[in-house]
Protein backbone atom coordinates (compact mmCIF):
# COMPACT_ATOMS: atom_id res chain seq x y z
CA MET A 1 -102.31 -37.61 -43.37
CA VAL A 2 -100.13 -38.97 -46.17
CA ILE A 3 -101.36 -42.16 -47.76
CA PRO A 4 -98.49 -44.45 -48.86
CA MET A 5 -98.20 -45.29 -52.56
CA GLN A 6 -98.87 -48.86 -53.62
CA THR A 7 -97.81 -50.59 -56.82
CA VAL A 8 -100.71 -52.38 -58.50
CA PRO A 9 -100.28 -54.43 -61.68
CA LEU A 10 -102.76 -53.32 -64.33
CA PRO A 11 -103.30 -55.32 -67.52
CA VAL A 12 -102.63 -53.47 -70.76
CA ILE A 13 -103.54 -54.79 -74.19
CA LEU A 14 -101.23 -53.80 -77.05
CA GLU A 15 -102.42 -54.04 -80.63
CA ASN A 16 -100.24 -53.43 -83.66
CA GLY A 17 -102.49 -51.67 -86.13
CA GLY A 18 -99.90 -51.06 -88.83
CA LYS A 19 -98.63 -47.49 -88.52
CA TYR A 20 -99.39 -47.27 -84.78
CA VAL A 21 -99.45 -49.57 -81.77
CA ALA A 22 -102.54 -49.06 -79.61
CA ALA A 23 -102.40 -49.56 -75.84
CA TRP A 24 -105.58 -50.06 -73.81
CA CYS A 25 -106.03 -50.58 -70.07
CA PRO A 26 -109.46 -52.26 -69.77
CA ILE A 27 -109.58 -52.03 -65.96
CA ILE A 28 -109.83 -48.22 -66.04
CA ASP A 29 -110.88 -48.00 -69.71
CA ILE A 30 -108.23 -45.65 -71.05
CA ALA A 31 -106.20 -45.94 -74.24
CA THR A 32 -103.41 -44.30 -76.17
CA GLN A 33 -101.02 -45.15 -78.99
CA GLY A 34 -97.41 -44.95 -80.08
CA LEU A 35 -95.33 -45.40 -83.20
CA ASN A 36 -93.97 -48.67 -81.78
CA GLU A 37 -94.56 -50.98 -78.79
CA GLU A 38 -92.00 -49.21 -76.61
CA GLU A 39 -93.61 -45.81 -77.19
CA ALA A 40 -97.13 -47.22 -76.67
CA ARG A 41 -96.04 -48.75 -73.32
CA LYS A 42 -94.45 -45.46 -72.26
CA ASN A 43 -97.55 -43.50 -73.26
CA ILE A 44 -100.02 -45.80 -71.46
CA THR A 45 -97.84 -45.80 -68.32
CA GLU A 46 -97.86 -41.98 -68.29
CA LEU A 47 -101.60 -41.86 -68.99
CA ILE A 48 -102.36 -44.28 -66.15
CA LYS A 49 -100.20 -42.19 -63.81
CA TRP A 50 -102.04 -38.99 -64.84
CA TYR A 51 -105.39 -40.77 -64.44
CA PHE A 52 -104.65 -41.65 -60.82
CA GLU A 53 -103.13 -38.22 -60.07
CA ASP A 54 -106.15 -36.30 -61.42
CA LYS A 55 -108.22 -35.31 -58.41
CA ASP A 56 -111.38 -34.70 -60.51
CA THR A 57 -111.53 -38.16 -62.10
CA PRO A 58 -113.59 -40.73 -60.15
CA LYS A 59 -111.40 -43.73 -59.28
CA PRO A 60 -112.35 -47.35 -58.68
CA LYS A 61 -111.67 -48.76 -55.23
CA LEU A 62 -108.35 -50.59 -54.93
CA LYS A 63 -110.17 -53.73 -53.78
CA SER A 64 -112.24 -53.77 -56.98
CA ILE A 65 -109.13 -53.34 -59.16
CA MET A 66 -107.31 -56.16 -57.41
CA GLY A 67 -110.32 -58.48 -57.75
CA ILE A 68 -110.57 -58.26 -61.54
CA SER A 69 -109.29 -61.12 -63.65
CA LEU A 70 -108.97 -60.94 -67.44
CA THR A 71 -108.68 -63.71 -69.98
CA ILE A 72 -107.58 -63.04 -73.53
CA ALA A 73 -108.83 -65.71 -75.92
CA ASN A 74 -108.78 -66.20 -79.66
CA VAL A 75 -112.29 -66.78 -81.00
CA PRO A 76 -112.62 -68.45 -84.42
CA VAL A 77 -114.75 -66.42 -86.83
CA LYS A 78 -115.52 -67.41 -90.43
CA ILE A 79 -114.71 -64.70 -92.97
CA SER A 80 -116.52 -64.59 -96.29
CA GLU A 81 -113.92 -65.23 -99.02
CA ASN A 82 -115.50 -62.77 -101.45
CA MET A 83 -115.12 -59.94 -98.91
CA LYS A 84 -111.34 -60.24 -98.54
CA GLY A 85 -109.79 -57.27 -100.27
CA LYS A 86 -106.41 -55.57 -100.10
CA ASN A 87 -107.61 -52.34 -98.50
CA GLU A 88 -110.95 -53.18 -97.02
CA ALA A 89 -112.05 -54.75 -93.77
CA PRO A 90 -113.32 -58.33 -94.00
CA CYS A 91 -117.00 -59.15 -93.63
CA PHE A 92 -117.53 -61.41 -90.63
CA VAL A 93 -120.08 -64.18 -90.79
CA SER A 94 -121.48 -65.77 -87.64
CA THR A 95 -120.74 -69.46 -87.17
C-alpha cells in the first residue's frame, strides 16, 4: 500500500550568528547552518526531508505535529554594563 505524501508546514527559526546563519526546526529538534539565509533555508529543507525519509529515525505522529503552536517573543533582560566587551559574551542579570 502506498501512502500519499502530505505537505505540512514546519516552523524554522533562522539566526544570523555573524559568519553563519543557523536554522533550527524546533518541532523535530534538528538544526543546520549556511553561509547566508538562502543556504540555511536550503540546508534545513534538505535535512527535514532526509529526517522523514530515514526509516530508522522515530517520527512524531502527524496529528501531534499539526497540533503544535509556537510563539516567538522578545524577553527583556538587563545586561551588566561592565560586562559588555568587544569580543566577549555579555553577562546576563536577572530582573
